[in-house]
Amino acid sequence: MKTRFTLTIDEKLLEQFKEVCSKYGYKMSPKVGLLIKDFIENAKKL
């Protein structure tokens, strides 16, 4: 099941993320999900 959540981040960071996602054809939500998943997997290795 998917759920919505709200983030508060720096405006410039968000704009850069949008630009990179657009440039490489990524959708933002799935990319954020992958980044979170990778973060969790790497944290388990610590």
PDB file of N, CA and C in Angstrom:
ATOM      1  N   MET A   1       0.841  -1.174   0.000  1.00  0.00           N
ATOM      2  CA  MET A   1       0.000   0.000   0.000  1.00  0.00           C
ATOM      3  C   MET A   1       0.887   1.239   0.000  1.00  0.00           C
ATOM      4  N   LYS A   2       0.507   2.226  -0.740  1.00  0.00           N
ATOM      5  CA  LYS A   2       1.239   3.487  -0.797  1.00  0.00           C
ATOM      6  C   LYS A   2       0.541   4.519   0.069  1.00  0.00           C
ATOM      7  N   THR A   3       1.327   5.419   0.622  1.00  0.00           N
ATOM      8  CA  THR A   3       0.771   6.472   1.457  1.00  0.00           C
ATOM      9  C   THR A   3       1.466   7.799   1.139  1.00  0.00           C
ATOM     10  N   ARG A   4       0.825   8.881   1.447  1.00  0.00           N
ATOM     11  CA  ARG A   4       1.400  10.208   1.217  1.00  0.00           C
ATOM     12  C   ARG A   4       2.059  10.699   2.484  1.00  0.00           C
ATOM     13  N   PHE A   5       3.129  11.497   2.318  1.00  0.00           N
ATOM     14  CA  PHE A   5       3.735  12.164   3.456  1.00  0.00           C
ATOM     15  C   PHE A   5       4.316  13.494   2.988  1.00  0.00           C
ATOM     16  N   THR A   6       4.529  14.384   3.923  1.00  0.00           N
ATOM     17  CA  THR A   6       4.992  15.732   3.611  1.00  0.00           C
ATOM     18  C   THR A   6       6.423  15.911   4.098  1.00  0.00           C
ATOM     19  N   LEU A   7       7.238  16.529   3.257  1.00  0.00           N
ATOM     20  CA  LEU A   7       8.620  16.844   3.602  1.00  0.00           C
ATOM     21  C   LEU A   7       8.802  18.345   3.593  1.00  0.00           C
ATOM     22  N   THR A   8       9.692  18.817   4.428  1.00  0.00           N
ATOM     23  CA  THR A   8      10.101  20.209   4.378  1.00  0.00           C
ATOM     24  C   THR A   8      11.591  20.216   4.096  1.00  0.00           C
ATOM     25  N   ILE A   9      11.953  20.719   2.906  1.00  0.00           N
ATOM     26  CA  ILE A   9      13.365  20.767   2.508  1.00  0.00           C
ATOM     27  C   ILE A   9      13.665  22.120   1.887  1.00  0.00           C
ATOM     28  N   ASP A  10      14.938  22.394   1.743  1.00  0.00           N
ATOM     29  CA  ASP A  10      15.385  23.639   1.142  1.00  0.00           C
ATOM     30  C   ASP A  10      14.823  23.786  -0.272  1.00  0.00           C
ATOM     31  N   GLU A  11      14.340  24.964  -0.580  1.00  0.00           N
ATOM     32  CA  GLU A  11      13.715  25.230  -1.874  1.00  0.00           C
ATOM     33  C   GLU A  11      14.677  24.987  -3.034  1.00  0.00           C
ATOM     34  N   LYS A  12      15.931  25.421  -2.894  1.00  0.00           N
ATOM     35  CA  LYS A  12      16.920  25.218  -3.958  1.00  0.00           C
ATOM     36  C   LYS A  12      17.195  23.736  -4.178  1.00  0.00           C
ATOM     37  N   LEU A  13      17.261  22.994  -3.088  1.00  0.00           N
ATOM     38  CA  LEU A  13      17.489  21.552  -3.193  1.00  0.00           C
ATOM     39  C   LEU A  13      16.348  20.886  -3.956  1.00  0.00           C
ATOM     40  N   LEU A  14      15.120  21.270  -3.647  1.00  0.00           N
ATOM     41  CA  LEU A  14      13.965  20.712  -4.344  1.00  0.00           C
ATOM     42  C   LEU A  14      13.998  21.059  -5.830  1.00  0.00           C
ATOM     43  N   GLU A  15      14.335  22.292  -6.151  1.00  0.00           N
ATOM     44  CA  GLU A  15      14.396  22.698  -7.560  1.00  0.00           C
ATOM     45  C   GLU A  15      15.464  21.908  -8.305  1.00  0.00           C
ATOM     46  N   GLN A  16      16.607  21.696  -7.677  1.00  0.00           N
ATOM     47  CA  GLN A  16      17.662  20.903  -8.311  1.00  0.00           C
ATOM     48  C   GLN A  16      17.211  19.462  -8.518  1.00  0.00           C
ATOM     49  N   PHE A  17      16.526  18.908  -7.520  1.00  0.00           N
ATOM     50  CA  PHE A  17      16.021  17.540  -7.629  1.00  0.00           C
ATOM     51  C   PHE A  17      15.020  17.432  -8.777  1.00  0.00           C
ATOM     52  N   LYS A  18      14.121  18.401  -8.886  1.00  0.00           N
ATOM     53  CA  LYS A  18      13.143  18.413  -9.973  1.00  0.00           C
ATOM     54  C   LYS A  18      13.837  18.461 -11.331  1.00  0.00           C
ATOM     55  N   GLU A  19      14.871  19.293 -11.441  1.00  0.00           N
ATOM     56  CA  GLU A  19      15.605  19.429 -12.705  1.00  0.00           C
ATOM     57  C   GLU A  19      16.288  18.126 -13.094  1.00  0.00           C
ATOM     58  N   VAL A  20      16.940  17.494 -12.126  1.00  0.00           N
ATOM     59  CA  VAL A  20      17.643  16.240 -12.415  1.00  0.00           C
ATOM     60  C   VAL A  20      16.641  15.145 -12.788  1.00  0.00           C
ATOM     61  N   CYS A  21      15.549  15.057 -12.047  1.00  0.00           N
ATOM     62  CA  CYS A  21      14.520  14.061 -12.367  1.00  0.00           C
ATOM     63  C   CYS A  21      13.973  14.277 -13.770  1.00  0.00           C
ATOM     64  N   SER A  22      13.710  15.509 -14.099  1.00  0.00           N
ATOM     65  CA  SER A  22      13.192  15.831 -15.430  1.00  0.00           C
ATOM     66  C   SER A  22      14.209  15.484 -16.515  1.00  0.00           C
ATOM     67  N   LYS A  23      15.455  15.855 -16.295  1.00  0.00           N
ATOM     68  CA  LYS A  23      16.525  15.614 -17.273  1.00  0.00           C
ATOM     69  C   LYS A  23      16.686  14.131 -17.593  1.00  0.00           C
ATOM     70  N   TYR A  24      16.578  13.286 -16.560  1.00  0.00           N
ATOM     71  CA  TYR A  24      16.814  11.855 -16.746  1.00  0.00           C
ATOM     72  C   TYR A  24      15.537  11.021 -16.819  1.00  0.00           C
ATOM     73  N   GLY A  25      14.390  11.691 -16.823  1.00  0.00           N
ATOM     74  CA  GLY A  25      13.127  10.986 -17.002  1.00  0.00           C
ATOM     75  C   GLY A  25      12.617  10.253 -15.768  1.00  0.00           C
ATOM     76  N   TYR A  26      13.075  10.667 -14.586  1.00  0.00           N
ATOM     77  CA  TYR A  26      12.591  10.055 -13.352  1.00  0.00           C
ATOM     78  C   TYR A  26      11.324  10.753 -12.883  1.00  0.00           C
ATOM     79  N   LYS A  27      10.434   9.993 -12.296  1.00  0.00           N
ATOM     80  CA  LYS A  27       9.311  10.574 -11.570  1.00  0.00           C
ATOM     81  C   LYS A  27       9.799  10.786 -10.147  1.00  0.00           C
ATOM     82  N   MET A  28       9.432  11.907  -9.557  1.00  0.00           N
ATOM     83  CA  MET A  28       9.981  12.268  -8.256  1.00  0.00           C
ATOM     84  C   MET A  28       9.612  11.292  -7.140  1.00  0.00           C
ATOM     85  N   SER A  29       8.357  10.931  -7.033  1.00  0.00           N
ATOM     86  CA  SER A  29       7.934  10.065  -5.918  1.00  0.00           C
ATOM     87  C   SER A  29       8.629   8.705  -5.926  1.00  0.00           C
ATOM     88  N   PRO A  30       8.652   7.999  -7.064  1.00  0.00           N
ATOM     89  CA  PRO A  30       9.356   6.714  -7.062  1.00  0.00           C
ATOM     90  C   PRO A  30      10.852   6.870  -6.773  1.00  0.00           C
ATOM     91  N   LYS A  31      11.458   7.967  -7.252  1.00  0.00           N
ATOM     92  CA  LYS A  31      12.886   8.187  -7.004  1.00  0.00           C
ATOM     93  C   LYS A  31      13.133   8.417  -5.518  1.00  0.00           C
ATOM     94  N   VAL A  32      12.299   9.205  -4.866  1.00  0.00           N
ATOM     95  CA  VAL A  32      12.435   9.425  -3.427  1.00  0.00           C
ATOM     96  C   VAL A  32      12.285   8.094  -2.698  1.00  0.00           C
ATOM     97  N   GLY A  33      11.328   7.288  -3.118  1.00  0.00           N
ATOM     98  CA  GLY A  33      11.141   5.977  -2.507  1.00  0.00           C
ATOM     99  C   GLY A  33      12.385   5.107  -2.630  1.00  0.00           C
ATOM    100  N   LEU A  34      13.027   5.125  -3.794  1.00  0.00           N
ATOM    101  CA  LEU A  34      14.254   4.345  -3.989  1.00  0.00           C
ATOM    102  C   LEU A  34      15.393   4.879  -3.122  1.00  0.00           C
ATOM    103  N   LEU A  35      15.489   6.197  -3.015  1.00  0.00           N
ATOM    104  CA  LEU A  35      16.527   6.790  -2.175  1.00  0.00           C
ATOM    105  C   LEU A  35      16.340   6.394  -0.709  1.00  0.00           C
ATOM    106  N   ILE A  36      15.101   6.396  -0.248  1.00  0.00           N
ATOM    107  CA  ILE A  36      14.811   5.992   1.130  1.00  0.00           C
ATOM    108  C   ILE A  36      15.144   4.512   1.324  1.00  0.00           C
ATOM    109  N   LYS A  37      14.762   3.693   0.366  1.00  0.00           N
ATOM    110  CA  LYS A  37      15.049   2.259   0.453  1.00  0.00           C
ATOM    111  C   LYS A  37      16.554   2.015   0.506  1.00  0.00           C
ATOM    112  N   ASP A  38      17.320   2.688  -0.347  1.00  0.00           N
ATOM    113  CA  ASP A  38      18.773   2.549  -0.336  1.00  0.00           C
ATOM    114  C   ASP A  38      19.361   2.999   1.002  1.00  0.00           C
ATOM    115  N   PHE A  39      18.843   4.089   1.543  1.00  0.00           N
ATOM    116  CA  PHE A  39      19.305   4.591   2.832  1.00  0.00           C
ATOM    117  C   PHE A  39      19.087   3.552   3.927  1.00  0.00           C
ATOM    118  N   ILE A  40      17.931   2.943   3.927  1.00  0.00           N
ATOM    119  CA  ILE A  40      17.604   1.929   4.935  1.00  0.00           C
ATOM    120  C   ILE A  40      18.530   0.730   4.789  1.00  0.00           C
ATOM    121  N   GLU A  41      18.751   0.264   3.573  1.00  0.00           N
ATOM    122  CA  GLU A  41      19.633  -0.889   3.350  1.00  0.00           C
ATOM    123  C   GLU A  41      21.058  -0.589   3.790  1.00  0.00           C
ATOM    124  N   ASN A  42      21.544   0.617   3.506  1.00  0.00           N
ATOM    125  CA  ASN A  42      22.895   0.981   3.916  1.00  0.00           C
ATOM    126  C   ASN A  42      22.996   1.128   5.431  1.00  0.00           C
ATOM    127  N   ALA A  43      21.955   1.614   6.060  1.00  0.00           N
ATOM    128  CA  ALA A  43      21.958   1.758   7.520  1.00  0.00           C
ATOM    129  C   ALA A  43      22.021   0.397   8.208  1.00  0.00           C
ATOM    130  N   LYS A  44      21.437  -0.612   7.597  1.00  0.00           N
ATOM    131  CA  LYS A  44      21.463  -1.960   8.171  1.00  0.00           C
ATOM    132  C   LYS A  44      22.874  -2.539   8.172  1.00  0.00           C
ATOM    133  N   LYS A  45      23.727  -2.055   7.271  1.00  0.00           N
ATOM    134  CA  LYS A  45      25.090  -2.566   7.143  1.00  0.00           C
ATOM    135  C   LYS A  45      26.031  -1.956   8.172  1.00  0.00           C
ATOM    136  N   LEU A  46      25.590  -0.909   8.849  1.00  0.00           N
ATOM    137  CA  LEU A  46      26.465  -0.229   9.814  1.00  0.00           C
ATOM    138  C   LEU A  46      26.622  -1.016  11.101  1.00  0.00           C
TER     139      LEU A  46
END
